[in-house]
PDB file of N, CA and C in Angstrom:
ATOM      1  N   UNK A   1      16.971  27.038   1.709  1.00  0.00           N
ATOM      2  CA  UNK A   1      17.560  26.136   0.754  1.00  0.00           C
ATOM      3  C   UNK A   1      16.499  25.421  -0.011  1.00  0.00           C
ATOM      4  N   UNK A   2      15.484  24.773   0.660  1.00  0.00           N
ATOM      5  CA  UNK A   2      14.400  24.136  -0.010  1.00  0.00           C
ATOM      6  C   UNK A   2      13.067  24.899   0.262  1.00  0.00           C
ATOM      7  N   UNK A   3      12.188  24.935  -0.661  1.00  0.00           N
ATOM      8  CA  UNK A   3      10.912  25.533  -0.324  1.00  0.00           C
ATOM      9  C   UNK A   3      10.001  24.588   0.368  1.00  0.00           C
ATOM     10  N   UNK A   4       8.940  25.096   0.947  1.00  0.00           N
ATOM     11  CA  UNK A   4       8.041  24.312   1.824  1.00  0.00           C
ATOM     12  C   UNK A   4       7.360  23.210   1.009  1.00  0.00           C
ATOM     13  N   UNK A   5       6.960  23.439  -0.242  1.00  0.00           N
ATOM     14  CA  UNK A   5       6.313  22.448  -1.050  1.00  0.00           C
ATOM     15  C   UNK A   5       7.244  21.270  -1.316  1.00  0.00           C
ATOM     16  N   UNK A   6       8.531  21.555  -1.555  1.00  0.00           N
ATOM     17  CA  UNK A   6       9.520  20.471  -1.771  1.00  0.00           C
ATOM     18  C   UNK A   6       9.642  19.647  -0.532  1.00  0.00           C
ATOM     19  N   UNK A   7       9.740  20.310   0.614  1.00  0.00           N
ATOM     20  CA  UNK A   7       9.887  19.549   1.900  1.00  0.00           C
ATOM     21  C   UNK A   7       8.717  18.717   2.192  1.00  0.00           C
ATOM     22  N   UNK A   8       7.481  19.280   1.932  1.00  0.00           N
ATOM     23  CA  UNK A   8       6.295  18.505   2.238  1.00  0.00           C
ATOM     24  C   UNK A   8       6.156  17.252   1.293  1.00  0.00           C
ATOM     25  N   UNK A   9       6.561  17.398   0.026  1.00  0.00           N
ATOM     26  CA  UNK A   9       6.593  16.267  -0.880  1.00  0.00           C
ATOM     27  C   UNK A   9       7.626  15.264  -0.479  1.00  0.00           C
ATOM     28  N   UNK A  10       8.753  15.729  -0.012  1.00  0.00           N
ATOM     29  CA  UNK A  10       9.833  14.786   0.479  1.00  0.00           C
ATOM     30  C   UNK A  10       9.291  14.001   1.690  1.00  0.00           C
ATOM     31  N   UNK A  11       8.615  14.690   2.630  1.00  0.00           N
ATOM     32  CA  UNK A  11       8.035  13.997   3.785  1.00  0.00           C
ATOM     33  C   UNK A  11       7.044  12.940   3.303  1.00  0.00           C
ATOM     34  N   UNK A  12       6.228  13.304   2.354  1.00  0.00           N
ATOM     35  CA  UNK A  12       5.243  12.356   1.837  1.00  0.00           C
ATOM     36  C   UNK A  12       5.888  11.197   1.162  1.00  0.00           C
ATOM     37  N   UNK A  13       7.004  11.394   0.446  1.00  0.00           N
ATOM     38  CA  UNK A  13       7.698  10.274  -0.187  1.00  0.00           C
ATOM     39  C   UNK A  13       8.284   9.337   0.864  1.00  0.00           C
ATOM     40  N   UNK A  14       8.879   9.895   1.904  1.00  0.00           N
ATOM     41  CA  UNK A  14       9.444   9.078   2.961  1.00  0.00           C
ATOM     42  C   UNK A  14       8.417   8.333   3.779  1.00  0.00           C
ATOM     43  N   UNK A  15       7.323   9.022   4.068  1.00  0.00           N
ATOM     44  CA  UNK A  15       6.221   8.379   4.804  1.00  0.00           C
ATOM     45  C   UNK A  15       5.652   7.245   3.998  1.00  0.00           C
ATOM     46  N   UNK A  16       5.390   7.476   2.702  1.00  0.00           N
ATOM     47  CA  UNK A  16       4.862   6.448   1.818  1.00  0.00           C
ATOM     48  C   UNK A  16       5.814   5.252   1.673  1.00  0.00           C
ATOM     49  N   UNK A  17       7.081   5.506   1.643  1.00  0.00           N
ATOM     50  CA  UNK A  17       8.045   4.451   1.590  1.00  0.00           C
ATOM     51  C   UNK A  17       7.976   3.588   2.829  1.00  0.00           C
ATOM     52  N   UNK A  18       7.909   4.195   3.995  1.00  0.00           N
ATOM     53  CA  UNK A  18       7.864   3.446   5.237  1.00  0.00           C
ATOM     54  C   UNK A  18       6.601   2.603   5.288  1.00  0.00           C
ATOM     55  N   UNK A  19       5.441   3.153   5.014  1.00  0.00           N
ATOM     56  CA  UNK A  19       4.208   2.402   5.151  1.00  0.00           C
ATOM     57  C   UNK A  19       4.081   1.321   4.067  1.00  0.00           C
ATOM     58  N   UNK A  20       4.582   1.578   2.880  1.00  0.00           N
ATOM     59  CA  UNK A  20       4.504   0.598   1.779  1.00  0.00           C
ATOM     60  C   UNK A  20       5.432  -0.571   2.105  1.00  0.00           C
ATOM     61  N   UNK A  21       6.637  -0.252   2.473  1.00  0.00           N
ATOM     62  CA  UNK A  21       7.668  -1.341   2.705  1.00  0.00           C
ATOM     63  C   UNK A  21       7.212  -2.228   3.850  1.00  0.00           C
ATOM     64  N   UNK A  22       6.351  -1.704   4.743  1.00  0.00           N
ATOM     65  CA  UNK A  22       5.950  -2.574   5.861  1.00  0.00           C
ATOM     66  C   UNK A  22       5.116  -3.779   5.453  1.00  0.00           C
ATOM     67  N   UNK A  23       4.597  -3.748   4.222  1.00  0.00           N
ATOM     68  CA  UNK A  23       3.774  -4.876   3.757  1.00  0.00           C
ATOM     69  C   UNK A  23       4.679  -6.000   3.151  1.00  0.00           C
ATOM     70  N   UNK A  24       5.910  -5.692   2.834  1.00  0.00           N
ATOM     71  CA  UNK A  24       6.739  -6.723   2.206  1.00  0.00           C
ATOM     72  C   UNK A  24       6.961  -7.982   2.992  1.00  0.00           C
ATOM     73  N   UNK A  25       7.282  -7.897   4.319  1.00  0.00           N
ATOM     74  CA  UNK A  25       7.449  -9.133   5.067  1.00  0.00           C
ATOM     75  C   UNK A  25       6.180  -9.969   5.102  1.00  0.00           C
ATOM     76  N   UNK A  26       4.982  -9.415   5.247  1.00  0.00           N
ATOM     77  CA  UNK A  26       3.772 -10.131   5.238  1.00  0.00           C
ATOM     78  C   UNK A  26       3.515 -10.816   3.902  1.00  0.00           C
ATOM     79  N   UNK A  27       3.754 -10.033   2.839  1.00  0.00           N
ATOM     80  CA  UNK A  27       3.499 -10.636   1.500  1.00  0.00           C
ATOM     81  C   UNK A  27       4.414 -11.794   1.248  1.00  0.00           C
ATOM     82  N   UNK A  28       5.688 -11.648   1.594  1.00  0.00           N
ATOM     83  CA  UNK A  28       6.674 -12.722   1.482  1.00  0.00           C
ATOM     84  C   UNK A  28       6.259 -13.985   2.255  1.00  0.00           C
ATOM     85  N   UNK A  29       5.915 -13.734   3.501  1.00  0.00           N
ATOM     86  CA  UNK A  29       5.477 -14.825   4.400  1.00  0.00           C
ATOM     87  C   UNK A  29       4.304 -15.613   3.783  1.00  0.00           C
ATOM     88  N   UNK A  30       3.331 -14.880   3.294  1.00  0.00           N
ATOM     89  CA  UNK A  30       2.127 -15.509   2.734  1.00  0.00           C
ATOM     90  C   UNK A  30       2.396 -16.261   1.408  1.00  0.00           C
ATOM     91  N   UNK A  31       3.295 -15.641   0.587  1.00  0.00           N
ATOM     92  CA  UNK A  31       3.632 -16.243  -0.679  1.00  0.00           C
ATOM     93  C   UNK A  31       4.394 -17.600  -0.410  1.00  0.00           C
ATOM     94  N   UNK A  32       5.286 -17.549   0.549  1.00  0.00           N
ATOM     95  CA  UNK A  32       6.099 -18.752   0.933  1.00  0.00           C
ATOM     96  C   UNK A  32       5.242 -19.858   1.538  1.00  0.00           C
ATOM     97  N   UNK A  33       4.435 -19.477   2.484  1.00  0.00           N
ATOM     98  CA  UNK A  33       3.677 -20.500   3.204  1.00  0.00           C
ATOM     99  C   UNK A  33       2.255 -20.841   2.760  1.00  0.00           C
ATOM    100  N   UNK A  34       1.726 -19.881   2.001  1.00  0.00           N
ATOM    101  CA  UNK A  34       0.274 -20.048   1.534  1.00  0.00           C
ATOM    102  C   UNK A  34      -0.667 -20.020   2.748  1.00  0.00           C
ATOM    103  N   UNK A  35      -0.227 -19.640   3.960  1.00  0.00           N
ATOM    104  CA  UNK A  35      -1.037 -19.607   5.130  1.00  0.00           C
ATOM    105  C   UNK A  35      -1.541 -18.177   5.321  1.00  0.00           C
ATOM    106  N   UNK A  36      -2.845 -18.028   5.205  1.00  0.00           N
ATOM    107  CA  UNK A  36      -3.460 -16.699   5.375  1.00  0.00           C
ATOM    108  C   UNK A  36      -4.455 -16.741   6.583  1.00  0.00           C
ATOM    109  N   UNK A  37      -4.361 -17.780   7.390  1.00  0.00           N
ATOM    110  CA  UNK A  37      -5.321 -17.923   8.463  1.00  0.00           C
ATOM    111  C   UNK A  37      -5.277 -16.858   9.514  1.00  0.00           C
ATOM    112  N   UNK A  38      -4.109 -16.229   9.669  1.00  0.00           N
ATOM    113  CA  UNK A  38      -3.989 -15.208  10.737  1.00  0.00           C
ATOM    114  C   UNK A  38      -4.319 -13.796  10.263  1.00  0.00           C
ATOM    115  N   UNK A  39      -4.693 -13.612   9.028  1.00  0.00           N
ATOM    116  CA  UNK A  39      -5.090 -12.248   8.559  1.00  0.00           C
ATOM    117  C   UNK A  39      -6.533 -12.159   8.331  1.00  0.00           C
ATOM    118  N   UNK A  40      -7.062 -10.945   8.450  1.00  0.00           N
ATOM    119  CA  UNK A  40      -8.494 -10.673   8.300  1.00  0.00           C
ATOM    120  C   UNK A  40      -8.849 -10.354   6.851  1.00  0.00           C
ATOM    121  N   UNK A  41      -9.769 -11.103   6.294  1.00  0.00           N
ATOM    122  CA  UNK A  41     -10.280 -10.831   4.983  1.00  0.00           C
ATOM    123  C   UNK A  41     -10.967  -9.494   4.913  1.00  0.00           C
ATOM    124  N   UNK A  42     -11.791  -9.169   5.906  1.00  0.00           N
ATOM    125  CA  UNK A  42     -12.490  -7.883   5.927  1.00  0.00           C
ATOM    126  C   UNK A  42     -11.499  -6.747   5.988  1.00  0.00           C
ATOM    127  N   UNK A  43     -10.503  -6.827   6.848  1.00  0.00           N
ATOM    128  CA  UNK A  43      -9.518  -5.733   6.951  1.00  0.00           C
ATOM    129  C   UNK A  43      -8.772  -5.487   5.664  1.00  0.00           C
ATOM    130  N   UNK A  44      -8.376  -6.555   4.989  1.00  0.00           N
ATOM    131  CA  UNK A  44      -7.634  -6.359   3.698  1.00  0.00           C
ATOM    132  C   UNK A  44      -8.565  -5.947   2.590  1.00  0.00           C
ATOM    133  N   UNK A  45      -9.803  -6.355   2.580  1.00  0.00           N
ATOM    134  CA  UNK A  45     -10.743  -5.897   1.588  1.00  0.00           C
ATOM    135  C   UNK A  45     -11.042  -4.371   1.695  1.00  0.00           C
ATOM    136  N   UNK A  46     -11.283  -3.952   2.940  1.00  0.00           N
ATOM    137  CA  UNK A  46     -11.512  -2.519   3.199  1.00  0.00           C
ATOM    138  C   UNK A  46     -10.214  -1.708   2.919  1.00  0.00           C
ATOM    139  N   UNK A  47      -9.071  -2.234   3.336  1.00  0.00           N
ATOM    140  CA  UNK A  47      -7.822  -1.519   3.179  1.00  0.00           C
ATOM    141  C   UNK A  47      -7.528  -1.379   1.679  1.00  0.00           C
ATOM    142  N   UNK A  48      -7.643  -2.418   0.849  1.00  0.00           N
ATOM    143  CA  UNK A  48      -7.336  -2.350  -0.561  1.00  0.00           C
ATOM    144  C   UNK A  48      -8.366  -1.359  -1.219  1.00  0.00           C
ATOM    145  N   UNK A  49      -9.583  -1.345  -0.796  1.00  0.00           N
ATOM    146  CA  UNK A  49     -10.530  -0.405  -1.322  1.00  0.00           C
ATOM    147  C   UNK A  49     -10.079   1.076  -1.048  1.00  0.00           C
ATOM    148  N   UNK A  50      -9.637   1.287   0.148  1.00  0.00           N
ATOM    149  CA  UNK A  50      -9.134   2.612   0.529  1.00  0.00           C
ATOM    150  C   UNK A  50      -7.938   2.991  -0.269  1.00  0.00           C
ATOM    151  N   UNK A  51      -7.017   2.078  -0.516  1.00  0.00           N
ATOM    152  CA  UNK A  51      -5.817   2.367  -1.276  1.00  0.00           C
ATOM    153  C   UNK A  51      -6.185   2.710  -2.694  1.00  0.00           C
ATOM    154  N   UNK A  52      -7.146   2.023  -3.260  1.00  0.00           N
ATOM    155  CA  UNK A  52      -7.623   2.352  -4.607  1.00  0.00           C
ATOM    156  C   UNK A  52      -8.050   3.821  -4.668  1.00  0.00           C
ATOM    157  N   UNK A  53      -8.791   4.212  -3.646  1.00  0.00           N
ATOM    158  CA  UNK A  53      -9.298   5.622  -3.586  1.00  0.00           C
ATOM    159  C   UNK A  53      -8.080   6.580  -3.423  1.00  0.00           C
ATOM    160  N   UNK A  54      -7.060   6.206  -2.653  1.00  0.00           N
ATOM    161  CA  UNK A  54      -5.883   7.061  -2.504  1.00  0.00           C
ATOM    162  C   UNK A  54      -5.142   7.182  -3.855  1.00  0.00           C
ATOM    163  N   UNK A  55      -5.133   6.107  -4.622  1.00  0.00           N
ATOM    164  CA  UNK A  55      -4.513   6.266  -5.956  1.00  0.00           C
ATOM    165  C   UNK A  55      -5.286   7.258  -6.833  1.00  0.00           C
ATOM    166  N   UNK A  56      -6.576   7.125  -6.840  1.00  0.00           N
ATOM    167  CA  UNK A  56      -7.407   8.023  -7.604  1.00  0.00           C
ATOM    168  C   UNK A  56      -7.189   9.476  -7.125  1.00  0.00           C
ATOM    169  N   UNK A  57      -7.174   9.628  -5.854  1.00  0.00           N
ATOM    170  CA  UNK A  57      -6.972  10.996  -5.206  1.00  0.00           C
ATOM    171  C   UNK A  57      -5.596  11.535  -5.610  1.00  0.00           C
ATOM    172  N   UNK A  58      -4.567  10.730  -5.520  1.00  0.00           N
ATOM    173  CA  UNK A  58      -3.189  11.122  -5.939  1.00  0.00           C
ATOM    174  C   UNK A  58      -3.135  11.611  -7.335  1.00  0.00           C
ATOM    175  N   UNK A  59      -3.821  10.898  -8.305  1.00  0.00           N
ATOM    176  CA  UNK A  59      -3.854  11.358  -9.650  1.00  0.00           C
ATOM    177  C   UNK A  59      -4.655  12.662  -9.786  1.00  0.00           C
ATOM    178  N   UNK A  60      -5.736  12.802  -9.024  1.00  0.00           N
ATOM    179  CA  UNK A  60      -6.539  13.974  -9.091  1.00  0.00           C
ATOM    180  C   UNK A  60      -5.775  15.207  -8.635  1.00  0.00           C
ATOM    181  N   UNK A  61      -4.933  15.085  -7.642  1.00  0.00           N
ATOM    182  CA  UNK A  61      -4.232  16.238  -7.126  1.00  0.00           C
ATOM    183  C   UNK A  61      -2.783  16.253  -7.696  1.00  0.00           C
ATOM    184  N   UNK A  62      -2.439  15.310  -8.592  1.00  0.00           N
ATOM    185  CA  UNK A  62      -1.103  15.252  -9.174  1.00  0.00           C
ATOM    186  C   UNK A  62      -0.006  15.210  -8.145  1.00  0.00           C
ATOM    187  N   UNK A  63      -0.151  14.311  -7.140  1.00  0.00           N
ATOM    188  CA  UNK A  63       0.883  14.178  -6.100  1.00  0.00           C
ATOM    189  C   UNK A  63       1.656  12.909  -6.292  1.00  0.00           C
ATOM    190  N   UNK A  64       2.908  13.110  -6.651  1.00  0.00           N
ATOM    191  CA  UNK A  64       3.816  11.976  -6.922  1.00  0.00           C
ATOM    192  C   UNK A  64       3.857  11.046  -5.723  1.00  0.00           C
ATOM    193  N   UNK A  65       4.025  11.583  -4.520  1.00  0.00           N
ATOM    194  CA  UNK A  65       4.123  10.701  -3.327  1.00  0.00           C
ATOM    195  C   UNK A  65       2.874   9.882  -3.154  1.00  0.00           C
ATOM    196  N   UNK A  66       1.693  10.536  -3.283  1.00  0.00           N
ATOM    197  CA  UNK A  66       0.451   9.790  -3.065  1.00  0.00           C
ATOM    198  C   UNK A  66       0.234   8.709  -4.129  1.00  0.00           C
ATOM    199  N   UNK A  67       0.513   9.140  -5.396  1.00  0.00           N
ATOM    200  CA  UNK A  67       0.301   8.111  -6.513  1.00  0.00           C
ATOM    201  C   UNK A  67       1.271   6.950  -6.411  1.00  0.00           C
ATOM    202  N   UNK A  68       2.570   7.290  -6.306  1.00  0.00           N
ATOM    203  CA  UNK A  68       3.579   6.235  -6.397  1.00  0.00           C
ATOM    204  C   UNK A  68       3.476   5.190  -5.344  1.00  0.00           C
ATOM    205  N   UNK A  69       3.447   5.644  -4.104  1.00  0.00           N
ATOM    206  CA  UNK A  69       3.502   4.713  -2.981  1.00  0.00           C
ATOM    207  C   UNK A  69       2.181   3.936  -2.840  1.00  0.00           C
ATOM    208  N   UNK A  70       1.033   4.612  -3.201  1.00  0.00           N
ATOM    209  CA  UNK A  70      -0.210   3.848  -3.082  1.00  0.00           C
ATOM    210  C   UNK A  70      -0.381   2.862  -4.166  1.00  0.00           C
ATOM    211  N   UNK A  71       0.186   3.070  -5.283  1.00  0.00           N
ATOM    212  CA  UNK A  71       0.194   2.035  -6.364  1.00  0.00           C
ATOM    213  C   UNK A  71       1.032   0.794  -5.908  1.00  0.00           C
ATOM    214  N   UNK A  72       2.144   1.101  -5.299  1.00  0.00           N
ATOM    215  CA  UNK A  72       2.973   0.008  -4.757  1.00  0.00           C
ATOM    216  C   UNK A  72       2.294  -0.715  -3.608  1.00  0.00           C
ATOM    217  N   UNK A  73       1.660   0.069  -2.733  1.00  0.00           N
ATOM    218  CA  UNK A  73       0.903  -0.552  -1.596  1.00  0.00           C
ATOM    219  C   UNK A  73      -0.239  -1.404  -2.128  1.00  0.00           C
ATOM    220  N   UNK A  74      -0.900  -0.916  -3.189  1.00  0.00           N
ATOM    221  CA  UNK A  74      -1.990  -1.630  -3.794  1.00  0.00           C
ATOM    222  C   UNK A  74      -1.514  -2.976  -4.351  1.00  0.00           C
ATOM    223  N   UNK A  75      -0.355  -2.971  -4.908  1.00  0.00           N
ATOM    224  CA  UNK A  75       0.222  -4.248  -5.457  1.00  0.00           C
ATOM    225  C   UNK A  75       0.482  -5.205  -4.326  1.00  0.00           C
ATOM    226  N   UNK A  76       1.105  -4.737  -3.270  1.00  0.00           N
ATOM    227  CA  UNK A  76       1.439  -5.646  -2.149  1.00  0.00           C
ATOM    228  C   UNK A  76       0.154  -6.086  -1.382  1.00  0.00           C
ATOM    229  N   UNK A  77      -0.668  -5.164  -0.949  1.00  0.00           N
ATOM    230  CA  UNK A  77      -1.863  -5.477  -0.230  1.00  0.00           C
ATOM    231  C   UNK A  77      -2.842  -6.240  -1.100  1.00  0.00           C
ATOM    232  N   UNK A  78      -2.856  -5.953  -2.385  1.00  0.00           N
ATOM    233  CA  UNK A  78      -3.723  -6.678  -3.322  1.00  0.00           C
ATOM    234  C   UNK A  78      -3.292  -8.119  -3.485  1.00  0.00           C
ATOM    235  N   UNK A  79      -1.976  -8.318  -3.452  1.00  0.00           N
ATOM    236  CA  UNK A  79      -1.427  -9.640  -3.531  1.00  0.00           C
ATOM    237  C   UNK A  79      -1.858 -10.473  -2.287  1.00  0.00           C
ATOM    238  N   UNK A  80      -1.733  -9.834  -1.140  1.00  0.00           N
ATOM    239  CA  UNK A  80      -2.144 -10.489   0.112  1.00  0.00           C
ATOM    240  C   UNK A  80      -3.646 -10.779   0.122  1.00  0.00           C
ATOM    241  N   UNK A  81      -4.466  -9.870  -0.323  1.00  0.00           N
ATOM    242  CA  UNK A  81      -5.895 -10.126  -0.434  1.00  0.00           C
ATOM    243  C   UNK A  81      -6.212 -11.224  -1.383  1.00  0.00           C
ATOM    244  N   UNK A  82      -5.518 -11.238  -2.550  1.00  0.00           N
ATOM    245  CA  UNK A  82      -5.756 -12.283  -3.499  1.00  0.00           C
ATOM    246  C   UNK A  82      -5.408 -13.723  -2.935  1.00  0.00           C
ATOM    247  N   UNK A  83      -4.240 -13.728  -2.212  1.00  0.00           N
ATOM    248  CA  UNK A  83      -3.816 -14.981  -1.612  1.00  0.00           C
ATOM    249  C   UNK A  83      -4.846 -15.383  -0.491  1.00  0.00           C
ATOM    250  N   UNK A  84      -5.353 -14.437   0.283  1.00  0.00           N
ATOM    251  CA  UNK A  84      -6.359 -14.773   1.275  1.00  0.00           C
ATOM    252  C   UNK A  84      -7.630 -15.349   0.591  1.00  0.00           C
ATOM    253  N   UNK A  85      -8.078 -14.783  -0.466  1.00  0.00           N
ATOM    254  CA  UNK A  85      -9.262 -15.245  -1.184  1.00  0.00           C
ATOM    255  C   UNK A  85      -8.985 -16.655  -1.786  1.00  0.00           C
ATOM    256  N   UNK A  86      -7.796 -16.860  -2.278  1.00  0.00           N
ATOM    257  CA  UNK A  86      -7.435 -18.083  -2.940  1.00  0.00           C
ATOM    258  C   UNK A  86      -7.149 -19.215  -1.939  1.00  0.00           C
ATOM    259  N   UNK A  87      -6.413 -18.963  -0.860  1.00  0.00           N
ATOM    260  CA  UNK A  87      -5.936 -19.972   0.007  1.00  0.00           C
ATOM    261  C   UNK A  87      -6.649 -19.936   1.392  1.00  0.00           C
ATOM    262  N   UNK A  88      -7.431 -18.856   1.625  1.00  0.00           N
ATOM    263  CA  UNK A  88      -8.039 -18.722   2.973  1.00  0.00           C
ATOM    264  C   UNK A  88      -9.205 -19.563   3.153  1.00  0.00           C
TER     265      UNK A  88
END
């Protein structure tokens, strides 16, 4: 019914959705409270750097799932990193 490439891309889209959406509660909590004391600046700085590289990689291989979800993750994790730098 579906070819292997389609199924692999679907798995990538679902996996990306799960990992990206996991940042929403943390971002909302930080935006509401301005409290970033419990998160690691180093972890978020390294993570955001890695996500930037995933975005570049996604564009290089023309993978919708890698590009789309990592851009959204970058927005969420970048917001958290920004808030940590601003209010931490």
